[in-house]
mmCIF file of all heavy atoms, coordinates in Angstrom:
data_MODEL
# 
_entry.id   MODEL 
# 
loop_
_atom_site.group_PDB 
_atom_site.id 
_atom_site.type_symbol 
_atom_site.label_atom_id 
_atom_site.label_alt_id 
_atom_site.label_comp_id 
_atom_site.label_asym_id 
_atom_site.label_entity_id 
_atom_site.label_seq_id 
_atom_site.pdbx_PDB_ins_code 
_atom_site.Cartn_x 
_atom_site.Cartn_y 
_atom_site.Cartn_z 
_atom_site.occupancy 
_atom_site.B_iso_or_equiv 
_atom_site.pdbx_formal_charge 
_atom_site.auth_seq_id 
_atom_site.auth_comp_id 
_atom_site.auth_asym_id 
_atom_site.auth_atom_id 
_atom_site.pdbx_PDB_model_num 
ATOM 1   N N   . GLN A 1 1  ? 73.542 88.040 73.719 1.00 0.00 ? 1  GLN A N   1 
ATOM 2   C CA  . GLN A 1 1  ? 74.843 87.486 74.077 1.00 0.00 ? 1  GLN A CA  1 
ATOM 3   C C   . GLN A 1 1  ? 75.342 88.248 75.294 1.00 0.00 ? 1  GLN A C   1 
ATOM 4   O O   . GLN A 1 1  ? 75.828 89.376 75.193 1.00 0.00 ? 1  GLN A O   1 
ATOM 5   C CB  . GLN A 1 1  ? 75.819 87.590 72.907 1.00 0.00 ? 1  GLN A CB  1 
ATOM 6   C CG  . GLN A 1 1  ? 75.421 86.735 71.718 1.00 0.00 ? 1  GLN A CG  1 
ATOM 7   C CD  . GLN A 1 1  ? 76.483 86.682 70.639 1.00 0.00 ? 1  GLN A CD  1 
ATOM 8   O OE1 . GLN A 1 1  ? 77.362 87.522 70.580 1.00 0.00 ? 1  GLN A OE1 1 
ATOM 9   N NE2 . GLN A 1 1  ? 76.408 85.671 69.787 1.00 0.00 ? 1  GLN A NE2 1 
ATOM 10  N N   . VAL A 1 2  ? 75.183 87.627 76.447 1.00 0.00 ? 2  VAL A N   1 
ATOM 11  C CA  . VAL A 1 2  ? 75.416 88.295 77.729 1.00 0.00 ? 2  VAL A CA  1 
ATOM 12  C C   . VAL A 1 2  ? 76.858 88.091 78.161 1.00 0.00 ? 2  VAL A C   1 
ATOM 13  O O   . VAL A 1 2  ? 77.392 86.971 78.098 1.00 0.00 ? 2  VAL A O   1 
ATOM 14  C CB  . VAL A 1 2  ? 74.445 87.751 78.796 1.00 0.00 ? 2  VAL A CB  1 
ATOM 15  C CG1 . VAL A 1 2  ? 74.579 88.534 80.088 1.00 0.00 ? 2  VAL A CG1 1 
ATOM 16  C CG2 . VAL A 1 2  ? 73.007 87.819 78.274 1.00 0.00 ? 2  VAL A CG2 1 
ATOM 17  N N   . GLY A 1 3  ? 77.486 89.179 78.615 1.00 0.00 ? 3  GLY A N   1 
ATOM 18  C CA  . GLY A 1 3  ? 78.848 89.112 79.131 1.00 0.00 ? 3  GLY A CA  1 
ATOM 19  C C   . GLY A 1 3  ? 79.029 90.070 80.287 1.00 0.00 ? 3  GLY A C   1 
ATOM 20  O O   . GLY A 1 3  ? 78.171 90.919 80.571 1.00 0.00 ? 3  GLY A O   1 
ATOM 21  N N   . PHE A 1 4  ? 80.150 89.962 80.990 1.00 0.00 ? 4  PHE A N   1 
ATOM 22  C CA  . PHE A 1 4  ? 80.442 90.833 82.118 1.00 0.00 ? 4  PHE A CA  1 
ATOM 23  C C   . PHE A 1 4  ? 80.841 92.224 81.627 1.00 0.00 ? 4  PHE A C   1 
ATOM 24  O O   . PHE A 1 4  ? 81.428 92.371 80.546 1.00 0.00 ? 4  PHE A O   1 
ATOM 25  C CB  . PHE A 1 4  ? 81.590 90.253 82.966 1.00 0.00 ? 4  PHE A CB  1 
ATOM 26  C CG  . PHE A 1 4  ? 81.224 88.997 83.691 1.00 0.00 ? 4  PHE A CG  1 
ATOM 27  C CD1 . PHE A 1 4  ? 81.558 87.753 83.170 1.00 0.00 ? 4  PHE A CD1 1 
ATOM 28  C CD2 . PHE A 1 4  ? 80.550 89.045 84.903 1.00 0.00 ? 4  PHE A CD2 1 
ATOM 29  C CE1 . PHE A 1 4  ? 81.244 86.590 83.839 1.00 0.00 ? 4  PHE A CE1 1 
ATOM 30  C CE2 . PHE A 1 4  ? 80.226 87.883 85.585 1.00 0.00 ? 4  PHE A CE2 1 
ATOM 31  C CZ  . PHE A 1 4  ? 80.570 86.654 85.049 1.00 0.00 ? 4  PHE A CZ  1 
ATOM 32  N N   . GLU A 1 5  ? 80.532 93.240 82.439 1.00 0.00 ? 5  GLU A N   1 
ATOM 33  C CA  . GLU A 1 5  ? 80.932 94.604 82.111 1.00 0.00 ? 5  GLU A CA  1 
ATOM 34  C C   . GLU A 1 5  ? 82.337 94.908 82.619 1.00 0.00 ? 5  GLU A C   1 
ATOM 35  O O   . GLU A 1 5  ? 82.869 95.992 82.363 1.00 0.00 ? 5  GLU A O   1 
ATOM 36  C CB  . GLU A 1 5  ? 79.928 95.609 82.699 1.00 0.00 ? 5  GLU A CB  1 
ATOM 37  C CG  . GLU A 1 5  ? 78.543 95.484 82.093 1.00 0.00 ? 5  GLU A CG  1 
ATOM 38  C CD  . GLU A 1 5  ? 77.598 96.568 82.577 1.00 0.00 ? 5  GLU A CD  1 
ATOM 39  O OE1 . GLU A 1 5  ? 78.013 97.746 82.621 1.00 0.00 ? 5  GLU A OE1 1 
ATOM 40  O OE2 . GLU A 1 5  ? 76.450 96.237 82.927 1.00 0.00 ? 5  GLU A OE2 1 
ATOM 41  N N   . VAL A 1 6  ? 82.942 93.968 83.330 1.00 0.00 ? 6  VAL A N   1 
ATOM 42  C CA  . VAL A 1 6  ? 84.325 94.086 83.798 1.00 0.00 ? 6  VAL A CA  1 
ATOM 43  C C   . VAL A 1 6  ? 85.035 92.778 83.479 1.00 0.00 ? 6  VAL A C   1 
ATOM 44  O O   . VAL A 1 6  ? 84.398 91.755 83.209 1.00 0.00 ? 6  VAL A O   1 
ATOM 45  C CB  . VAL A 1 6  ? 84.395 94.390 85.314 1.00 0.00 ? 6  VAL A CB  1 
ATOM 46  C CG1 . VAL A 1 6  ? 83.831 95.764 85.612 1.00 0.00 ? 6  VAL A CG1 1 
ATOM 47  C CG2 . VAL A 1 6  ? 83.672 93.307 86.114 1.00 0.00 ? 6  VAL A CG2 1 
ATOM 48  N N   . GLY A 1 7  ? 86.362 92.806 83.506 1.00 0.00 ? 7  GLY A N   1 
ATOM 49  C CA  . GLY A 1 7  ? 87.123 91.599 83.252 1.00 0.00 ? 7  GLY A CA  1 
ATOM 50  C C   . GLY A 1 7  ? 87.554 90.929 84.543 1.00 0.00 ? 7  GLY A C   1 
ATOM 51  O O   . GLY A 1 7  ? 87.498 91.508 85.629 1.00 0.00 ? 7  GLY A O   1 
ATOM 52  N N   . GLY A 1 8  ? 87.975 89.669 84.419 1.00 0.00 ? 8  GLY A N   1 
ATOM 53  C CA  . GLY A 1 8  ? 88.443 88.931 85.587 1.00 0.00 ? 8  GLY A CA  1 
ATOM 54  C C   . GLY A 1 8  ? 88.398 87.441 85.354 1.00 0.00 ? 8  GLY A C   1 
ATOM 55  O O   . GLY A 1 8  ? 88.109 86.972 84.244 1.00 0.00 ? 8  GLY A O   1 
ATOM 56  N N   . ARG A 1 9  ? 88.673 86.690 86.418 1.00 0.00 ? 9  ARG A N   1 
ATOM 57  C CA  . ARG A 1 9  ? 88.671 85.232 86.335 1.00 0.00 ? 9  ARG A CA  1 
ATOM 58  C C   . ARG A 1 9  ? 87.286 84.697 86.687 1.00 0.00 ? 9  ARG A C   1 
ATOM 59  O O   . ARG A 1 9  ? 86.731 85.032 87.731 1.00 0.00 ? 9  ARG A O   1 
ATOM 60  C CB  . ARG A 1 9  ? 89.727 84.648 87.276 1.00 0.00 ? 9  ARG A CB  1 
ATOM 61  C CG  . ARG A 1 9  ? 89.864 83.113 87.159 1.00 0.00 ? 9  ARG A CG  1 
ATOM 62  C CD  . ARG A 1 9  ? 90.996 82.608 88.040 1.00 0.00 ? 9  ARG A CD  1 
ATOM 63  N NE  . ARG A 1 9  ? 92.266 83.179 87.617 1.00 0.00 ? 9  ARG A NE  1 
ATOM 64  C CZ  . ARG A 1 9  ? 92.996 82.725 86.611 1.00 0.00 ? 9  ARG A CZ  1 
ATOM 65  N NH1 . ARG A 1 9  ? 92.585 81.665 85.927 1.00 0.00 ? 9  ARG A NH1 1 
ATOM 66  N NH2 . ARG A 1 9  ? 94.150 83.295 86.297 1.00 0.00 ? 9  ARG A NH2 1 
ATOM 67  N N   . LEU A 1 10 ? 86.765 83.861 85.806 1.00 0.00 ? 10 LEU A N   1 
ATOM 68  C CA  . LEU A 1 10 ? 85.446 83.267 86.027 1.00 0.00 ? 10 LEU A CA  1 
ATOM 69  C C   . LEU A 1 10 ? 85.562 82.182 87.095 1.00 0.00 ? 10 LEU A C   1 
ATOM 70  O O   . LEU A 1 10 ? 86.325 81.225 86.941 1.00 0.00 ? 10 LEU A O   1 
ATOM 71  C CB  . LEU A 1 10 ? 84.917 82.669 84.723 1.00 0.00 ? 10 LEU A CB  1 
ATOM 72  C CG  . LEU A 1 10 ? 83.473 82.173 84.702 1.00 0.00 ? 10 LEU A CG  1 
ATOM 73  C CD1 . LEU A 1 10 ? 82.504 83.331 84.877 1.00 0.00 ? 10 LEU A CD1 1 
ATOM 74  C CD2 . LEU A 1 10 ? 83.175 81.446 83.392 1.00 0.00 ? 10 LEU A CD2 1 
ATOM 75  N N   . VAL A 1 11 ? 84.811 82.347 88.186 1.00 0.00 ? 11 VAL A N   1 
ATOM 76  C CA  . VAL A 1 11 ? 84.874 81.374 89.275 1.00 0.00 ? 11 VAL A CA  1 
ATOM 77  C C   . VAL A 1 11 ? 83.677 80.431 89.284 1.00 0.00 ? 11 VAL A C   1 
ATOM 78  O O   . VAL A 1 11 ? 83.752 79.344 89.869 1.00 0.00 ? 11 VAL A O   1 
ATOM 79  C CB  . VAL A 1 11 ? 84.987 82.095 90.640 1.00 0.00 ? 11 VAL A CB  1 
ATOM 80  C CG1 . VAL A 1 11 ? 86.307 82.848 90.748 1.00 0.00 ? 11 VAL A CG1 1 
ATOM 81  C CG2 . VAL A 1 11 ? 83.809 83.036 90.864 1.00 0.00 ? 11 VAL A CG2 1 
ATOM 82  N N   . SER A 1 12 ? 82.584 80.826 88.618 1.00 0.00 ? 12 SER A N   1 
ATOM 83  C CA  . SER A 1 12 ? 81.416 79.932 88.576 1.00 0.00 ? 12 SER A CA  1 
ATOM 84  C C   . SER A 1 12 ? 80.529 80.282 87.391 1.00 0.00 ? 12 SER A C   1 
ATOM 85  O O   . SER A 1 12 ? 80.459 81.444 86.985 1.00 0.00 ? 12 SER A O   1 
ATOM 86  C CB  . SER A 1 12 ? 80.600 80.031 89.869 1.00 0.00 ? 12 SER A CB  1 
ATOM 87  O OG  . SER A 1 12 ? 79.987 81.305 89.981 1.00 0.00 ? 12 SER A OG  1 
ATOM 88  N N   . ARG A 1 13 ? 79.896 79.232 86.840 1.00 0.00 ? 13 ARG A N   1 
ATOM 89  C CA  . ARG A 1 13 ? 78.869 79.401 85.810 1.00 0.00 ? 13 ARG A CA  1 
ATOM 90  C C   . ARG A 1 13 ? 77.725 78.497 86.205 1.00 0.00 ? 13 ARG A C   1 
ATOM 91  O O   . ARG A 1 13 ? 77.853 77.280 86.228 1.00 0.00 ? 13 ARG A O   1 
ATOM 92  C CB  . ARG A 1 13 ? 79.400 79.036 84.433 1.00 0.00 ? 13 ARG A CB  1 
ATOM 93  C CG  . ARG A 1 13 ? 78.500 79.570 83.300 1.00 0.00 ? 13 ARG A CG  1 
ATOM 94  C CD  . ARG A 1 13 ? 78.882 79.017 81.939 1.00 0.00 ? 13 ARG A CD  1 
ATOM 95  N NE  . ARG A 1 13 ? 78.551 77.596 81.863 1.00 0.00 ? 13 ARG A NE  1 
ATOM 96  C CZ  . ARG A 1 13 ? 79.308 76.697 81.274 1.00 0.00 ? 13 ARG A CZ  1 
ATOM 97  N NH1 . ARG A 1 13 ? 80.464 77.026 80.765 1.00 0.00 ? 13 ARG A NH1 1 
ATOM 98  N NH2 . ARG A 1 13 ? 78.920 75.434 81.250 1.00 0.00 ? 13 ARG A NH2 1 
ATOM 99  N N   . ASP A 1 14 ? 76.579 79.100 86.526 1.00 0.00 ? 14 ASP A N   1 
ATOM 100 C CA  . ASP A 1 14 ? 75.485 78.365 87.156 1.00 0.00 ? 14 ASP A CA  1 
ATOM 101 C C   . ASP A 1 14 ? 74.529 77.702 86.174 1.00 0.00 ? 14 ASP A C   1 
ATOM 102 O O   . ASP A 1 14 ? 73.634 76.967 86.602 1.00 0.00 ? 14 ASP A O   1 
ATOM 103 C CB  . ASP A 1 14 ? 74.693 79.307 88.076 1.00 0.00 ? 14 ASP A CB  1 
ATOM 104 C CG  . ASP A 1 14 ? 75.569 79.919 89.172 1.00 0.00 ? 14 ASP A CG  1 
ATOM 105 O OD1 . ASP A 1 14 ? 76.640 79.343 89.452 1.00 0.00 ? 14 ASP A OD1 1 
ATOM 106 O OD2 . ASP A 1 14 ? 75.196 80.965 89.714 1.00 0.00 ? 14 ASP A OD2 1 
ATOM 107 N N   . VAL A 1 15 ? 74.656 77.963 84.879 1.00 0.00 ? 15 VAL A N   1 
ATOM 108 C CA  . VAL A 1 15 ? 73.720 77.400 83.903 1.00 0.00 ? 15 VAL A CA  1 
ATOM 109 C C   . VAL A 1 15 ? 74.501 76.812 82.732 1.00 0.00 ? 15 VAL A C   1 
ATOM 110 O O   . VAL A 1 15 ? 75.634 77.205 82.456 1.00 0.00 ? 15 VAL A O   1 
ATOM 111 C CB  . VAL A 1 15 ? 72.724 78.466 83.380 1.00 0.00 ? 15 VAL A CB  1 
ATOM 112 C CG1 . VAL A 1 15 ? 71.806 78.933 84.499 1.00 0.00 ? 15 VAL A CG1 1 
ATOM 113 C CG2 . VAL A 1 15 ? 73.468 79.637 82.762 1.00 0.00 ? 15 VAL A CG2 1 
ATOM 114 N N   . ASP A 1 16 ? 73.873 75.848 82.069 1.00 0.00 ? 16 ASP A N   1 
ATOM 115 C CA  . ASP A 1 16 ? 74.440 75.248 80.866 1.00 0.00 ? 16 ASP A CA  1 
ATOM 116 C C   . ASP A 1 16 ? 73.454 75.427 79.716 1.00 0.00 ? 16 ASP A C   1 
ATOM 117 O O   . ASP A 1 16 ? 72.311 75.880 79.908 1.00 0.00 ? 16 ASP A O   1 
ATOM 118 C CB  . ASP A 1 16 ? 74.720 73.755 81.083 1.00 0.00 ? 16 ASP A CB  1 
ATOM 119 C CG  . ASP A 1 16 ? 75.824 73.521 82.097 1.00 0.00 ? 16 ASP A CG  1 
ATOM 120 O OD1 . ASP A 1 16 ? 76.869 74.201 81.996 1.00 0.00 ? 16 ASP A OD1 1 
ATOM 121 O OD2 . ASP A 1 16 ? 75.639 72.666 82.995 1.00 0.00 ? 16 ASP A OD2 1 
ATOM 122 N N   . ALA A 1 17 ? 73.868 75.069 78.508 1.00 0.00 ? 17 ALA A N   1 
ATOM 123 C CA  . ALA A 1 17 ? 73.001 75.177 77.337 1.00 0.00 ? 17 ALA A CA  1 
ATOM 124 C C   . ALA A 1 17 ? 71.739 74.340 77.542 1.00 0.00 ? 17 ALA A C   1 
ATOM 125 O O   . ALA A 1 17 ? 71.797 73.201 77.996 1.00 0.00 ? 17 ALA A O   1 
ATOM 126 C CB  . ALA A 1 17 ? 73.739 74.722 76.085 1.00 0.00 ? 17 ALA A CB  1 
ATOM 127 N N   . GLY A 1 18 ? 70.604 74.925 77.214 1.00 0.00 ? 18 GLY A N   1 
ATOM 128 C CA  . GLY A 1 18 ? 69.316 74.256 77.371 1.00 0.00 ? 18 GLY A CA  1 
ATOM 129 C C   . GLY A 1 18 ? 68.576 74.638 78.628 1.00 0.00 ? 18 GLY A C   1 
ATOM 130 O O   . GLY A 1 18 ? 67.393 74.316 78.758 1.00 0.00 ? 18 GLY A O   1 
ATOM 131 N N   . ALA A 1 19 ? 69.243 75.332 79.553 1.00 0.00 ? 19 ALA A N   1 
ATOM 132 C CA  . ALA A 1 19 ? 68.593 75.714 80.806 1.00 0.00 ? 19 ALA A CA  1 
ATOM 133 C C   . ALA A 1 19 ? 67.613 76.861 80.575 1.00 0.00 ? 19 ALA A C   1 
ATOM 134 O O   . ALA A 1 19 ? 67.841 77.743 79.750 1.00 0.00 ? 19 ALA A O   1 
ATOM 135 C CB  . ALA A 1 19 ? 69.644 76.112 81.832 1.00 0.00 ? 19 ALA A CB  1 
ATOM 136 N N   . THR A 1 20 ? 66.532 76.841 81.332 1.00 0.00 ? 20 THR A N   1 
ATOM 137 C CA  . THR A 1 20 ? 65.553 77.924 81.301 1.00 0.00 ? 20 THR A CA  1 
ATOM 138 C C   . THR A 1 20 ? 65.873 78.896 82.428 1.00 0.00 ? 20 THR A C   1 
ATOM 139 O O   . THR A 1 20 ? 66.050 78.486 83.574 1.00 0.00 ? 20 THR A O   1 
ATOM 140 C CB  . THR A 1 20 ? 64.129 77.382 81.458 1.00 0.00 ? 20 THR A CB  1 
ATOM 141 O OG1 . THR A 1 20 ? 63.859 76.453 80.398 1.00 0.00 ? 20 THR A OG1 1 
ATOM 142 C CG2 . THR A 1 20 ? 63.111 78.501 81.420 1.00 0.00 ? 20 THR A CG2 1 
ATOM 143 N N   . VAL A 1 21 ? 65.954 80.189 82.110 1.00 0.00 ? 21 VAL A N   1 
ATOM 144 C CA  . VAL A 1 21 ? 66.328 81.189 83.100 1.00 0.00 ? 21 VAL A CA  1 
ATOM 145 C C   . VAL A 1 21 ? 65.248 82.248 83.200 1.00 0.00 ? 21 VAL A C   1 
ATOM 146 O O   . VAL A 1 21 ? 64.459 82.458 82.265 1.00 0.00 ? 21 VAL A O   1 
ATOM 147 C CB  . VAL A 1 21 ? 67.680 81.838 82.751 1.00 0.00 ? 21 VAL A CB  1 
ATOM 148 C CG1 . VAL A 1 21 ? 68.797 80.803 82.762 1.00 0.00 ? 21 VAL A CG1 1 
ATOM 149 C CG2 . VAL A 1 21 ? 67.626 82.527 81.396 1.00 0.00 ? 21 VAL A CG2 1 
ATOM 150 N N   . LYS A 1 22 ? 65.223 82.921 84.355 1.00 0.00 ? 22 LYS A N   1 
ATOM 151 C CA  . LYS A 1 22 ? 64.300 84.012 84.607 1.00 0.00 ? 22 LYS A CA  1 
ATOM 152 C C   . LYS A 1 22 ? 65.069 85.327 84.679 1.00 0.00 ? 22 LYS A C   1 
ATOM 153 O O   . LYS A 1 22 ? 66.259 85.349 84.986 1.00 0.00 ? 22 LYS A O   1 
ATOM 154 C CB  . LYS A 1 22 ? 63.533 83.782 85.912 1.00 0.00 ? 22 LYS A CB  1 
ATOM 155 C CG  . LYS A 1 22 ? 62.668 82.531 85.914 1.00 0.00 ? 22 LYS A CG  1 
ATOM 156 C CD  . LYS A 1 22 ? 61.518 82.639 84.929 1.00 0.00 ? 22 LYS A CD  1 
ATOM 157 C CE  . LYS A 1 22 ? 60.594 81.428 85.001 1.00 0.00 ? 22 LYS A CE  1 
ATOM 158 N NZ  . LYS A 1 22 ? 59.481 81.525 84.027 1.00 0.00 ? 22 LYS A NZ  1 
ATOM 159 N N   . LYS A 1 23 ? 64.374 86.409 84.416 1.00 0.00 ? 23 LYS A N   1 
ATOM 160 C CA  . LYS A 1 23 ? 65.008 87.721 84.460 1.00 0.00 ? 23 LYS A CA  1 
ATOM 161 C C   . LYS A 1 23 ? 65.557 87.989 85.857 1.00 0.00 ? 23 LYS A C   1 
ATOM 162 O O   . LYS A 1 23 ? 64.870 87.804 86.854 1.00 0.00 ? 23 LYS A O   1 
ATOM 163 C CB  . LYS A 1 23 ? 64.001 88.799 84.078 1.00 0.00 ? 23 LYS A CB  1 
ATOM 164 C CG  . LYS A 1 23 ? 64.591 90.195 84.033 1.00 0.00 ? 23 LYS A CG  1 
ATOM 165 C CD  . LYS A 1 23 ? 63.558 91.212 83.583 1.00 0.00 ? 23 LYS A CD  1 
ATOM 166 C CE  . LYS A 1 23 ? 64.170 92.612 83.514 1.00 0.00 ? 23 LYS A CE  1 
ATOM 167 N NZ  . LYS A 1 23 ? 63.190 93.627 83.049 1.00 0.00 ? 23 LYS A NZ  1 
ATOM 168 N N   . GLY A 1 24 ? 66.833 88.414 85.927 1.00 0.00 ? 24 GLY A N   1 
ATOM 169 C CA  . GLY A 1 24 ? 67.481 88.710 87.195 1.00 0.00 ? 24 GLY A CA  1 
ATOM 170 C C   . GLY A 1 24 ? 68.170 87.521 87.826 1.00 0.00 ? 24 GLY A C   1 
ATOM 171 O O   . GLY A 1 24 ? 68.850 87.683 88.855 1.00 0.00 ? 24 GLY A O   1 
ATOM 172 N N   . GLN A 1 25 ? 68.024 86.333 87.245 1.00 0.00 ? 25 GLN A N   1 
ATOM 173 C CA  . GLN A 1 25 ? 68.662 85.143 87.811 1.00 0.00 ? 25 GLN A CA  1 
ATOM 174 C C   . GLN A 1 25 ? 70.174 85.207 87.619 1.00 0.00 ? 25 GLN A C   1 
ATOM 175 O O   . GLN A 1 25 ? 70.674 85.632 86.579 1.00 0.00 ? 25 GLN A O   1 
ATOM 176 C CB  . GLN A 1 25 ? 68.097 83.896 87.138 1.00 0.00 ? 25 GLN A CB  1 
ATOM 177 C CG  . GLN A 1 25 ? 68.709 82.595 87.611 1.00 0.00 ? 25 GLN A CG  1 
ATOM 178 C CD  . GLN A 1 25 ? 68.119 81.393 86.891 1.00 0.00 ? 25 GLN A CD  1 
ATOM 179 O OE1 . GLN A 1 25 ? 67.008 81.465 86.350 1.00 0.00 ? 25 GLN A OE1 1 
ATOM 180 N NE2 . GLN A 1 25 ? 68.845 80.288 86.867 1.00 0.00 ? 25 GLN A NE2 1 
ATOM 181 N N   . LYS A 1 26 ? 70.914 84.762 88.637 1.00 0.00 ? 26 LYS A N   1 
ATOM 182 C CA  . LYS A 1 26 ? 72.373 84.744 88.544 1.00 0.00 ? 26 LYS A CA  1 
ATOM 183 C C   . LYS A 1 26 ? 72.809 83.656 87.570 1.00 0.00 ? 26 LYS A C   1 
ATOM 184 O O   . LYS A 1 26 ? 72.394 82.516 87.651 1.00 0.00 ? 26 LYS A O   1 
ATOM 185 C CB  . LYS A 1 26 ? 72.977 84.495 89.932 1.00 0.00 ? 26 LYS A CB  1 
ATOM 186 C CG  . LYS A 1 26 ? 74.497 84.441 89.941 1.00 0.00 ? 26 LYS A CG  1 
ATOM 187 C CD  . LYS A 1 26 ? 75.038 84.085 91.320 1.00 0.00 ? 26 LYS A CD  1 
ATOM 188 C CE  . LYS A 1 26 ? 76.547 83.880 91.282 1.00 0.00 ? 26 LYS A CE  1 
ATOM 189 N NZ  . LYS A 1 26 ? 77.088 83.461 92.597 1.00 0.00 ? 26 LYS A NZ  1 
ATOM 190 N N   . LEU A 1 27 ? 73.705 84.056 86.653 1.00 0.00 ? 27 LEU A N   1 
ATOM 191 C CA  . LEU A 1 27 ? 74.184 83.136 85.643 1.00 0.00 ? 27 LEU A CA  1 
ATOM 192 C C   . LEU A 1 27 ? 75.629 82.701 85.886 1.00 0.00 ? 27 LEU A C   1 
ATOM 193 O O   . LEU A 1 27 ? 75.972 81.538 85.671 1.00 0.00 ? 27 LEU A O   1 
ATOM 194 C CB  . LEU A 1 27 ? 74.087 83.780 84.247 1.00 0.00 ? 27 LEU A CB  1 
ATOM 195 C CG  . LEU A 1 27 ? 72.705 84.288 83.830 1.00 0.00 ? 27 LEU A CG  1 
ATOM 196 C CD1 . LEU A 1 27 ? 72.797 84.979 82.481 1.00 0.00 ? 27 LEU A CD1 1 
ATOM 197 C CD2 . LEU A 1 27 ? 71.693 83.159 83.786 1.00 0.00 ? 27 LEU A CD2 1 
ATOM 198 N N   . ALA A 1 28 ? 76.477 83.636 86.288 1.00 0.00 ? 28 ALA A N   1 
ATOM 199 C CA  . ALA A 1 28 ? 77.903 83.345 86.483 1.00 0.00 ? 28 ALA A CA  1 
ATOM 200 C C   . ALA A 1 28 ? 78.496 84.417 87.394 1.00 0.00 ? 28 ALA A C   1 
ATOM 201 O O   . ALA A 1 28 ? 77.853 85.441 87.682 1.00 0.00 ? 28 ALA A O   1 
ATOM 202 C CB  . ALA A 1 28 ? 78.641 83.294 85.146 1.00 0.00 ? 28 ALA A CB  1 
ATOM 203 N N   . ALA A 1 29 ? 79.730 84.187 87.852 1.00 0.00 ? 29 ALA A N   1 
ATOM 204 C CA  . ALA A 1 29 ? 80.386 85.137 88.751 1.00 0.00 ? 29 ALA A CA  1 
ATOM 205 C C   . ALA A 1 29 ? 81.886 85.159 88.495 1.00 0.00 ? 29 ALA A C   1 
ATOM 206 O O   . ALA A 1 29 ? 82.492 84.142 88.138 1.00 0.00 ? 29 ALA A O   1 
ATOM 207 C CB  . ALA A 1 29 ? 80.106 84.780 90.210 1.00 0.00 ? 29 ALA A CB  1 
# 
């Protein structure tokens, strides 16, 4: 269960449920 180590306003989420991801890939910002 991945989350940010700091708080703030989420401006983007690059993946949705069912997506295949690779290690180091950007997920959100």
